[in-house]
C-alpha atoms as a PDB file:
ATOM      1  CA  MET A   1     -76.176  25.347 124.341  1.00  0.00           C
ATOM      2  CA  ALA A   2     -78.230  22.216 123.860  1.00  0.00           C
ATOM      3  CA  SER A   3     -80.209  23.792 121.057  1.00  0.00           C
ATOM      4  CA  LEU A   4     -76.990  24.992 119.425  1.00  0.00           C
ATOM      5  CA  GLU A   5     -75.463  21.532 119.577  1.00  0.00           C
ATOM      6  CA  LEU A   6     -78.640  20.066 118.195  1.00  0.00           C
ATOM      7  CA  GLY A   7     -78.532  22.565 115.338  1.00  0.00           C
ATOM      8  CA  GLN A   8     -74.943  21.620 114.607  1.00  0.00           C
ATOM      9  CA  ASP A   9     -75.879  17.949 114.528  1.00  0.00           C
ATOM     10  CA  ILE A  10     -78.713  18.663 112.119  1.00  0.00           C
ATOM     11  CA  ALA A  11     -76.531  20.837 109.878  1.00  0.00           C
ATOM     12  CA  ASP A  12     -73.652  18.356 109.720  1.00  0.00           C
ATOM     13  CA  PRO A  13     -75.209  16.110 107.045  1.00  0.00           C
ATOM     14  CA  LEU A  14     -75.678  19.198 104.854  1.00  0.00           C
ATOM     15  CA  ARG A  15     -71.987  20.049 104.726  1.00  0.00           C
ATOM     16  CA  ILE A  16     -70.177  19.793 101.420  1.00  0.00           C
ATOM     17  CA  ASP A  17     -67.611  17.345 102.726  1.00  0.00           C
ATOM     18  CA  ALA A  18     -70.261  15.007 104.138  1.00  0.00           C
ATOM     19  CA  PRO A  19     -70.708  11.775 102.162  1.00  0.00           C
ATOM     20  CA  TYR A  20     -73.852  11.478 100.127  1.00  0.00           C
ATOM     21  CA  GLU A  21     -75.375   8.036 100.264  1.00  0.00           C
ATOM     22  CA  ALA A  22     -76.950   8.289  96.798  1.00  0.00           C
ATOM     23  CA  ASP A  23     -73.468   8.337  95.230  1.00  0.00           C
ATOM     24  CA  ALA A  24     -72.717   4.790  96.365  1.00  0.00           C
ATOM     25  CA  PRO A  25     -74.996   2.996  93.851  1.00  0.00           C
ATOM     26  CA  LEU A  26     -73.711   5.269  91.103  1.00  0.00           C
ATOM     27  CA  ASN A  27     -70.082   4.422  91.895  1.00  0.00           C
ATOM     28  CA  LYS A  28     -70.920   0.720  91.971  1.00  0.00           C
ATOM     29  CA  HIS A  29     -72.617   1.050  88.581  1.00  0.00           C
ATOM     30  CA  ARG A  30     -69.568   2.811  87.165  1.00  0.00           C
ATOM     31  CA  ARG A  31     -67.254   0.100  88.523  1.00  0.00           C
ATOM     32  CA  ARG A  32     -69.406  -2.606  87.016  1.00  0.00           C
ATOM     33  CA  PHE A  33     -69.435  -0.778  83.700  1.00  0.00           C
ATOM     34  CA  ARG A  34     -65.640  -0.458  83.775  1.00  0.00           C
ATOM     35  CA  TRP A  35     -65.233  -4.129  84.595  1.00  0.00           C
ATOM     36  CA  GLY A  36     -67.586  -5.048  81.756  1.00  0.00           C
ATOM     37  CA  ARG A  37     -65.742  -2.816  79.329  1.00  0.00           C
ATOM     38  CA  GLY A  38     -62.422  -4.309  80.383  1.00  0.00           C
ATOM     39  CA  ALA A  39     -63.742  -7.826  79.858  1.00  0.00           C
ATOM     40  CA  ILE A  40     -64.943  -6.901  76.360  1.00  0.00           C
ATOM     41  CA  LEU A  41     -61.547  -5.414  75.519  1.00  0.00           C
ATOM     42  CA  ILE A  42     -59.746  -8.522  76.788  1.00  0.00           C
ATOM     43  CA  ILE A  43     -61.983 -10.825  74.731  1.00  0.00           C
ATOM     44  CA  THR A  44     -61.502  -8.669  71.637  1.00  0.00           C
ATOM     45  CA  ALA A  45     -57.738  -8.580  72.099  1.00  0.00           C
ATOM     46  CA  ALA A  46     -57.650 -12.355  72.530  1.00  0.00           C
ATOM     47  CA  TYR A  47     -59.692 -12.756  69.329  1.00  0.00           C
ATOM     48  CA  PHE A  48     -56.937 -11.001  67.373  1.00  0.00           C
ATOM     49  CA  VAL A  49     -53.832 -11.931  69.356  1.00  0.00           C
ATOM     50  CA  VAL A  50     -54.379 -15.689  69.632  1.00  0.00           C
ATOM     51  CA  PRO A  51     -54.556 -16.347  65.834  1.00  0.00           C
ATOM     52  CA  PHE A  52     -51.599 -14.039  65.293  1.00  0.00           C
ATOM     53  CA  TYR A  53     -49.566 -15.877  67.906  1.00  0.00           C
ATOM     54  CA  ALA A  54     -50.532 -19.212  66.350  1.00  0.00           C
ATOM     55  CA  GLY A  55     -49.366 -18.029  62.925  1.00  0.00           C
ATOM     56  CA  MET A  56     -46.071 -16.718  64.268  1.00  0.00           C
ATOM     57  CA  GLU A  57     -45.523 -19.914  66.240  1.00  0.00           C
ATOM     58  CA  TYR A  58     -46.097 -21.998  63.130  1.00  0.00           C
ATOM     59  CA  SER A  59     -43.712 -19.796  61.106  1.00  0.00           C
ATOM     60  CA  LEU A  60     -40.831 -19.584  63.575  1.00  0.00           C
ATOM     61  CA  GLN A  61     -40.984 -22.962  65.276  1.00  0.00           C
ATOM     62  CA  ARG A  62     -38.332 -25.529  64.394  1.00  0.00           C
ATOM     63  CA  PRO A  63     -39.341 -29.076  63.439  1.00  0.00           C
ATOM     64  CA  THR A  64     -37.178 -30.365  66.297  1.00  0.00           C
ATOM     65  CA  GLY A  65     -38.638 -27.901  68.795  1.00  0.00           C
ATOM     66  CA  GLY A  66     -37.889 -24.369  69.876  1.00  0.00           C
ATOM     67  CA  PHE A  67     -37.995 -21.154  67.865  1.00  0.00           C
ATOM     68  CA  SER A  68     -35.658 -19.748  65.246  1.00  0.00           C
ATOM     69  CA  LEU A  69     -35.430 -16.423  63.393  1.00  0.00           C
ATOM     70  CA  THR A  70     -33.945 -18.072  60.320  1.00  0.00           C
ATOM     71  CA  PRO A  71     -37.200 -17.753  58.279  1.00  0.00           C
ATOM     72  CA  LEU A  72     -36.943 -13.974  58.635  1.00  0.00           C
ATOM     73  CA  SER A  73     -33.619 -13.977  56.799  1.00  0.00           C
ATOM     74  CA  GLN A  74     -35.016 -16.284  54.121  1.00  0.00           C
ATOM     75  CA  ILE A  75     -37.845 -13.965  53.091  1.00  0.00           C
ATOM     76  CA  GLY A  76     -35.710 -11.721  50.881  1.00  0.00           C
ATOM     77  CA  SER A  77     -34.204 -14.666  49.008  1.00  0.00           C
ATOM     78  CA  ALA A  78     -37.552 -16.372  48.369  1.00  0.00           C
ATOM     79  CA  PRO A  79     -38.241 -16.621  44.606  1.00  0.00           C
ATOM     80  CA  GLY A  80     -40.554 -13.886  43.356  1.00  0.00           C
ATOM     81  CA  PHE A  81     -40.936 -12.089  46.678  1.00  0.00           C
ATOM     82  CA  VAL A  82     -39.010  -8.926  45.760  1.00  0.00           C
ATOM     83  CA  SER A  83     -40.882  -8.454  42.469  1.00  0.00           C
ATOM     84  CA  ALA A  84     -44.237  -9.066  44.165  1.00  0.00           C
ATOM     85  CA  LEU A  85     -43.412  -6.598  46.929  1.00  0.00           C
ATOM     86  CA  TRP A  86     -42.296  -3.982  44.396  1.00  0.00           C
ATOM     87  CA  LEU A  87     -45.489  -4.432  42.345  1.00  0.00           C
ATOM     88  CA  SER A  88     -47.710  -4.133  45.410  1.00  0.00           C
ATOM     89  CA  THR A  89     -45.813  -1.028  46.538  1.00  0.00           C
ATOM     90  CA  GLN A  90     -46.223   0.623  43.128  1.00  0.00           C
ATOM     91  CA  LEU A  91     -49.924  -0.170  43.045  1.00  0.00           C
ATOM     92  CA  ALA A  92     -50.388   1.119  46.596  1.00  0.00           C
ATOM     93  CA  VAL A  93     -48.662   4.441  45.894  1.00  0.00           C
ATOM     94  CA  ILE A  94     -50.504   4.999  42.593  1.00  0.00           C
ATOM     95  CA  THR A  95     -53.853   4.066  44.105  1.00  0.00           C
ATOM     96  CA  MET A  96     -53.341   6.283  47.118  1.00  0.00           C
ATOM     97  CA  LEU A  97     -52.334   9.333  45.069  1.00  0.00           C
ATOM     98  CA  VAL A  98     -55.158   8.974  42.550  1.00  0.00           C
ATOM     99  CA  VAL A  99     -57.912   8.320  45.052  1.00  0.00           C
ATOM    100  CA  MET A 100     -56.798  11.237  47.252  1.00  0.00           C
ATOM    101  CA  ALA A 101     -56.610  13.589  44.270  1.00  0.00           C
ATOM    102  CA  LEU A 102     -60.140  12.602  43.296  1.00  0.00           C
ATOM    103  CA  MET A 103     -61.867  12.330  46.666  1.00  0.00           C
ATOM    104  CA  VAL A 104     -60.444  15.268  48.660  1.00  0.00           C
ATOM    105  CA  PRO A 105     -61.800  18.025  46.345  1.00  0.00           C
ATOM    106  CA  THR A 106     -65.024  16.072  45.829  1.00  0.00           C
ATOM    107  CA  VAL A 107     -65.790  15.670  49.537  1.00  0.00           C
ATOM    108  CA  ILE A 108     -64.914  19.315  50.235  1.00  0.00           C
ATOM    109  CA  TYR A 109     -67.169  20.495  47.409  1.00  0.00           C
ATOM    110  CA  VAL A 110     -70.053  18.345  48.652  1.00  0.00           C
ATOM    111  CA  HIS A 111     -69.697  19.727  52.184  1.00  0.00           C
ATOM    112  CA  LEU A 112     -69.601  23.331  50.967  1.00  0.00           C
ATOM    113  CA  ARG A 113     -71.988  23.492  48.030  1.00  0.00           C
ATOM    114  CA  LEU A 114     -74.079  20.304  48.092  1.00  0.00           C
ATOM    115  CA  PRO A 115     -74.682  19.317  51.744  1.00  0.00           C
ATOM    116  CA  ARG A 116     -77.967  17.606  50.834  1.00  0.00           C
ATOM    117  CA  PHE A 117     -76.087  15.437  48.355  1.00  0.00           C
ATOM    118  CA  ARG A 118     -74.111  13.705  51.129  1.00  0.00           C
ATOM    119  CA  ARG A 119     -76.647  10.909  51.496  1.00  0.00           C
ATOM    120  CA  VAL A 120     -76.552  10.302  47.757  1.00  0.00           C
ATOM    121  CA  MET A 121     -72.759  10.129  47.926  1.00  0.00           C
ATOM    122  CA  GLU A 122     -72.967   7.607  50.741  1.00  0.00           C
ATOM    123  CA  VAL A 123     -75.193   5.398  48.604  1.00  0.00           C
ATOM    124  CA  ILE A 124     -72.953   5.771  45.544  1.00  0.00           C
ATOM    125  CA  THR A 125     -69.814   4.908  47.451  1.00  0.00           C
ATOM    126  CA  ILE A 126     -71.402   1.683  48.754  1.00  0.00           C
ATOM    127  CA  PHE A 127     -71.601   0.204  45.242  1.00  0.00           C
ATOM    128  CA  PRO A 128     -67.919  -0.889  45.113  1.00  0.00           C
ATOM    129  CA  ILE A 129     -68.550  -2.949  48.249  1.00  0.00           C
ATOM    130  CA  ILE A 130     -71.779  -4.506  46.970  1.00  0.00           C
ATOM    131  CA  ILE A 131     -70.512  -5.521  43.527  1.00  0.00           C
ATOM    132  CA  PRO A 132     -68.375  -8.715  43.645  1.00  0.00           C
ATOM    133  CA  PRO A 133     -64.675  -8.222  42.837  1.00  0.00           C
ATOM    134  CA  ILE A 134     -64.799 -10.883  40.137  1.00  0.00           C
ATOM    135  CA  ALA A 135     -67.348  -8.754  38.270  1.00  0.00           C
ATOM    136  CA  TYR A 136     -64.926  -5.814  38.378  1.00  0.00           C
ATOM    137  CA  SER A 137     -62.065  -7.828  36.961  1.00  0.00           C
ATOM    138  CA  VAL A 138     -64.092  -9.360  34.102  1.00  0.00           C
ATOM    139  CA  GLY A 139     -65.836  -6.107  33.240  1.00  0.00           C
ATOM    140  CA  VAL A 140     -62.670  -4.033  33.296  1.00  0.00           C
ATOM    141  CA  LEU A 141     -60.794  -6.542  31.133  1.00  0.00           C
ATOM    142  CA  GLU A 142     -63.586  -6.443  28.566  1.00  0.00           C
ATOM    143  CA  ALA A 143     -63.896  -2.649  28.516  1.00  0.00           C
ATOM    144  CA  ALA A 144     -60.219  -1.649  28.757  1.00  0.00           C
ATOM    145  CA  PRO A 145     -58.191  -1.040  25.586  1.00  0.00           C
ATOM    146  CA  GLN A 146     -55.552  -3.536  24.614  1.00  0.00           C
ATOM    147  CA  TRP A 147     -52.575  -1.391  25.623  1.00  0.00           C
ATOM    148  CA  LEU A 148     -54.027  -0.967  29.107  1.00  0.00           C
ATOM    149  CA  ARG A 149     -54.818  -4.641  29.633  1.00  0.00           C
ATOM    150  CA  ASN A 150     -51.139  -5.520  29.766  1.00  0.00           C
ATOM    151  CA  SER A 151     -50.317  -2.655  32.142  1.00  0.00           C
ATOM    152  CA  GLN A 152     -50.301  -2.648  35.900  1.00  0.00           C
ATOM    153  CA  TYR A 153     -52.131   0.691  35.846  1.00  0.00           C
ATOM    154  CA  LEU A 154     -55.351  -1.129  34.978  1.00  0.00           C
ATOM    155  CA  LEU A 155     -55.149  -2.902  38.320  1.00  0.00           C
ATOM    156  CA  ALA A 156     -54.508   0.439  40.037  1.00  0.00           C
ATOM    157  CA  ILE A 157     -57.662   1.897  38.460  1.00  0.00           C
ATOM    158  CA  VAL A 158     -59.720  -0.965  39.854  1.00  0.00           C
ATOM    159  CA  TYR A 159     -58.152  -0.456  43.282  1.00  0.00           C
ATOM    160  CA  VAL A 160     -59.097   3.221  43.168  1.00  0.00           C
ATOM    161  CA  ILE A 161     -62.737   2.205  42.785  1.00  0.00           C
ATOM    162  CA  LEU A 162     -62.481  -0.331  45.605  1.00  0.00           C
ATOM    163  CA  ALA A 163     -60.823   2.167  47.951  1.00  0.00           C
ATOM    164  CA  MET A 164     -63.371   4.910  47.296  1.00  0.00           C
ATOM    165  CA  PRO A 165     -65.875   3.883  50.045  1.00  0.00           C
ATOM    166  CA  TYR A 166     -63.240   3.807  52.781  1.00  0.00           C
ATOM    167  CA  VAL A 167     -61.571   7.038  51.716  1.00  0.00           C
ATOM    168  CA  TYR A 168     -64.868   8.875  51.379  1.00  0.00           C
ATOM    169  CA  ARG A 169     -66.069   7.921  54.846  1.00  0.00           C
ATOM    170  CA  SER A 170     -62.768   8.829  56.475  1.00  0.00           C
ATOM    171  CA  LEU A 171     -62.726  12.263  54.825  1.00  0.00           C
ATOM    172  CA  ASP A 172     -66.424  12.816  55.433  1.00  0.00           C
ATOM    173  CA  SER A 173     -66.066  12.167  59.159  1.00  0.00           C
ATOM    174  CA  GLY A 174     -62.990  14.410  59.290  1.00  0.00           C
ATOM    175  CA  LEU A 175     -64.755  17.306  57.569  1.00  0.00           C
ATOM    176  CA  GLY A 176     -67.848  16.774  59.695  1.00  0.00           C
ATOM    177  CA  ALA A 177     -65.786  17.637  62.786  1.00  0.00           C
ATOM    178  CA  LEU A 178     -64.686  20.973  61.259  1.00  0.00           C
ATOM    179  CA  ASP A 179     -66.447  24.254  60.602  1.00  0.00           C
ATOM    180  CA  VAL A 180     -65.585  24.088  56.910  1.00  0.00           C
ATOM    181  CA  LYS A 181     -67.544  27.161  55.809  1.00  0.00           C
ATOM    182  CA  THR A 182     -65.916  29.425  58.375  1.00  0.00           C
ATOM    183  CA  LEU A 183     -62.420  28.207  57.532  1.00  0.00           C
ATOM    184  CA  VAL A 184     -62.965  28.585  53.788  1.00  0.00           C
ATOM    185  CA  GLU A 185     -64.583  32.023  54.070  1.00  0.00           C
ATOM    186  CA  ALA A 186     -61.763  33.277  56.306  1.00  0.00           C
ATOM    187  CA  SER A 187     -59.116  31.985  53.912  1.00  0.00           C
ATOM    188  CA  ARG A 188     -60.871  33.364  50.848  1.00  0.00           C
ATOM    189  CA  SER A 189     -61.358  36.771  52.503  1.00  0.00           C
ATOM    190  CA  LEU A 190     -57.600  36.934  53.035  1.00  0.00           C
ATOM    191  CA  GLY A 191     -57.006  36.501  49.304  1.00  0.00           C
ATOM    192  CA  SER A 192     -56.135  32.806  49.110  1.00  0.00           C
ATOM    193  CA  SER A 193     -57.122  30.811  46.052  1.00  0.00           C
ATOM    194  CA  TRP A 194     -59.169  27.639  46.251  1.00  0.00           C
ATOM    195  CA  LEU A 195     -56.084  25.495  45.774  1.00  0.00           C
ATOM    196  CA  MET A 196     -54.188  27.279  48.541  1.00  0.00           C
ATOM    197  CA  THR A 197     -57.230  27.092  50.812  1.00  0.00           C
ATOM    198  CA  ILE A 198     -57.444  23.337  50.374  1.00  0.00           C
ATOM    199  CA  TRP A 199     -53.701  22.790  50.730  1.00  0.00           C
ATOM    200  CA  ARG A 200     -52.893  25.156  53.613  1.00  0.00           C
ATOM    201  CA  VAL A 201     -56.156  25.340  55.568  1.00  0.00           C
ATOM    202  CA  LEU A 202     -58.230  22.196  55.123  1.00  0.00           C
ATOM    203  CA  VAL A 203     -55.584  19.523  54.531  1.00  0.00           C
ATOM    204  CA  PRO A 204     -53.667  20.253  57.798  1.00  0.00           C
ATOM    205  CA  ASN A 205     -56.939  19.944  59.722  1.00  0.00           C
ATOM    206  CA  LEU A 206     -57.671  16.660  57.954  1.00  0.00           C
ATOM    207  CA  ARG A 207     -54.312  15.095  58.783  1.00  0.00           C
ATOM    208  CA  ALA A 208     -55.743  12.266  60.899  1.00  0.00           C
ATOM    209  CA  ALA A 209     -58.517  11.532  58.384  1.00  0.00           C
ATOM    210  CA  LEU A 210     -56.034  11.507  55.503  1.00  0.00           C
ATOM    211  CA  MET A 211     -53.713   9.159  57.367  1.00  0.00           C
ATOM    212  CA  SER A 212     -56.582   6.818  58.175  1.00  0.00           C
ATOM    213  CA  ALA A 213     -57.709   6.813  54.542  1.00  0.00           C
ATOM    214  CA  SER A 214     -54.145   6.175  53.383  1.00  0.00           C
ATOM    215  CA  VAL A 215     -53.687   3.216  55.718  1.00  0.00           C
ATOM    216  CA  LEU A 216     -57.017   1.729  54.637  1.00  0.00           C
ATOM    217  CA  THR A 217     -55.965   2.098  50.999  1.00  0.00           C
ATOM    218  CA  LEU A 218     -52.605   0.461  51.652  1.00  0.00           C
ATOM    219  CA  ALA A 219     -54.267  -2.388  53.542  1.00  0.00           C
ATOM    220  CA  LEU A 220     -56.690  -2.882  50.661  1.00  0.00           C
ATOM    221  CA  VAL A 221     -53.969  -3.011  48.001  1.00  0.00           C
ATOM    222  CA  PHE A 222     -51.661  -5.269  49.999  1.00  0.00           C
ATOM    223  CA  GLY A 223     -54.537  -7.597  50.922  1.00  0.00           C
ATOM    224  CA  GLU A 224     -56.537  -7.872  47.683  1.00  0.00           C
ATOM    225  CA  PHE A 225     -56.259 -11.271  46.004  1.00  0.00           C
ATOM    226  CA  THR A 226     -59.147 -11.991  43.617  1.00  0.00           C
ATOM    227  CA  ILE A 227     -58.713  -9.245  41.027  1.00  0.00           C
ATOM    228  CA  ALA A 228     -54.925  -9.538  40.938  1.00  0.00           C
ATOM    229  CA  ASN A 229     -55.127 -13.309  40.521  1.00  0.00           C
ATOM    230  CA  VAL A 230     -57.733 -13.126  37.743  1.00  0.00           C
ATOM    231  CA  ASP A 231     -55.706 -10.459  35.897  1.00  0.00           C
ATOM    232  CA  ASN A 232     -52.540 -12.606  36.233  1.00  0.00           C
ATOM    233  CA  TRP A 233     -50.574 -10.150  38.372  1.00  0.00           C
ATOM    234  CA  GLN A 234     -48.445 -11.581  41.162  1.00  0.00           C
ATOM    235  CA  THR A 235     -48.886  -9.214  44.057  1.00  0.00           C
ATOM    236  CA  ILE A 236     -48.037 -10.084  47.660  1.00  0.00           C
ATOM    237  CA  PRO A 237     -51.330 -11.946  48.378  1.00  0.00           C
ATOM    238  CA  VAL A 238     -51.032 -13.888  45.119  1.00  0.00           C
ATOM    239  CA  TRP A 239     -47.401 -14.706  45.905  1.00  0.00           C
ATOM    240  CA  ILE A 240     -48.357 -15.943  49.375  1.00  0.00           C
ATOM    241  CA  TYR A 241     -50.899 -18.287  47.824  1.00  0.00           C
ATOM    242  CA  LEU A 242     -49.033 -19.462  44.721  1.00  0.00           C
ATOM    243  CA  ALA A 243     -45.293 -18.998  45.207  1.00  0.00           C
ATOM    244  CA  PRO A 244     -43.381 -22.279  45.632  1.00  0.00           C
ATOM    245  CA  THR A 245     -40.831 -22.118  48.427  1.00  0.00           C
ATOM    246  CA  ASP A 246     -38.610 -24.660  50.103  1.00  0.00           C
ATOM    247  CA  ASN A 247     -40.113 -23.636  53.432  1.00  0.00           C
ATOM    248  CA  PRO A 248     -43.911 -23.038  53.300  1.00  0.00           C
ATOM    249  CA  ARG A 249     -43.722 -21.352  56.686  1.00  0.00           C
ATOM    250  CA  ILE A 250     -42.236 -18.296  54.984  1.00  0.00           C
ATOM    251  CA  ASN A 251     -45.542 -17.540  53.249  1.00  0.00           C
ATOM    252  CA  THR A 252     -47.355 -17.536  56.574  1.00  0.00           C
ATOM    253  CA  LEU A 253     -44.623 -15.401  58.112  1.00  0.00           C
ATOM    254  CA  VAL A 254     -44.987 -12.773  55.363  1.00  0.00           C
ATOM    255  CA  ALA A 255     -48.747 -12.644  55.958  1.00  0.00           C
ATOM    256  CA  MET A 256     -48.229 -12.224  59.704  1.00  0.00           C
ATOM    257  CA  ILE A 257     -45.671  -9.460  59.212  1.00  0.00           C
ATOM    258  CA  ALA A 258     -48.045  -7.590  56.892  1.00  0.00           C
ATOM    259  CA  LEU A 259     -50.836  -7.915  59.455  1.00  0.00           C
ATOM    260  CA  LEU A 260     -48.574  -6.697  62.258  1.00  0.00           C
ATOM    261  CA  ALA A 261     -47.369  -3.708  60.222  1.00  0.00           C
ATOM    262  CA  THR A 262     -50.955  -2.670  59.448  1.00  0.00           C
ATOM    263  CA  ALA A 263     -51.955  -2.942  63.102  1.00  0.00           C
ATOM    264  CA  VAL A 264     -48.943  -0.902  64.255  1.00  0.00           C
ATOM    265  CA  VAL A 265     -49.672   1.864  61.757  1.00  0.00           C
ATOM    266  CA  LEU A 266     -53.315   2.011  62.816  1.00  0.00           C
ATOM    267  CA  ILE A 267     -52.309   2.246  66.478  1.00  0.00           C
ATOM    268  CA  LEU A 268     -49.906   5.075  65.662  1.00  0.00           C
ATOM    269  CA  ILE A 269     -52.640   6.960  63.794  1.00  0.00           C
ATOM    270  CA  VAL A 270     -55.079   6.596  66.682  1.00  0.00           C
ATOM    271  CA  SER A 271     -52.476   7.755  69.206  1.00  0.00           C
ATOM    272  CA  LEU A 272     -51.523  10.698  66.985  1.00  0.00           C
ATOM    273  CA  ASP A 273     -55.167  11.714  66.627  1.00  0.00           C
ATOM    274  CA  ARG A 274     -55.675  11.593  70.394  1.00  0.00           C
ATOM    275  CA  SER A 275     -52.529  13.622  71.083  1.00  0.00           C
ATOM    276  CA  GLN A 276     -53.609  16.262  68.577  1.00  0.00           C
ATOM    277  CA  SER A 277     -57.077  16.500  70.123  1.00  0.00           C
ATOM    278  CA  ARG A 278     -55.562  16.847  73.612  1.00  0.00           C
ATOM    279  CA  ASN A 279     -53.211  19.584  72.439  1.00  0.00           C
ATOM    280  CA  SER A 280     -56.060  21.456  70.782  1.00  0.00           C
ATOM    281  CA  ARG A 281     -58.126  21.252  73.986  1.00  0.00           C
ATOM    282  CA  ARG A 282     -55.203  22.544  76.085  1.00  0.00           C
ATOM    283  CA  SER A 283     -54.630  25.433  73.683  1.00  0.00           C
ATOM    284  CA  ARG A 284     -58.261  26.436  74.051  1.00  0.00           C
END
């Protein structure tokens, strides 16, 4: 009986439910890592939230103290705001449609037929970021025909070039997560044309990448100032800088609202992408 009890005592530490002492340092390391990650997230959030709060406080605070939502109702009646918003919206829609029509087939073709050309494409798409915007505006004005110089479509063409790096990288990362060859071969074997394969097979799988590219394009158009100002077009950024208003706080309020709208859309895209990935994992 004594030997049996001794054997039980020796076997007890080997049971599955017995605590393993080596796990304690690992758990402490994980807790420290989580605390460090949380501190980094808090600092990053404060870096963005504090300036935004300061701008909103400046825009909505009354001279006598307290806050008022009256500047929100004054935005629509500000001189030149509606025309500037309409021009920026037109440029954003045109730029988004053109750059998607150009880049989606191009990126798909590079992934399918020219995979070694991807590095060359990455280098090419960096050029719009390297070249100063003022060089674009002067060069385009000199090279464009006269009928196009007085048209807003000239500005949209320049924005297409500026948006190309962001759109390409969003689509490239989206296609890199897919087995493009298998999807295309399966669709083509079922009798679908190339256009139908792109529209019904690849585009639905690139929904998150397309939304990210669209938001980046919209943010670029609604935030670009130099080229629009040099070409004498009053978009929203130019209006914020130049428009005379009775209350200068309105200009800051418009900038803060645009920043908030961009952040909300980006958060929605990230949450949608995560929900889609979770649903795909559950279906598997």
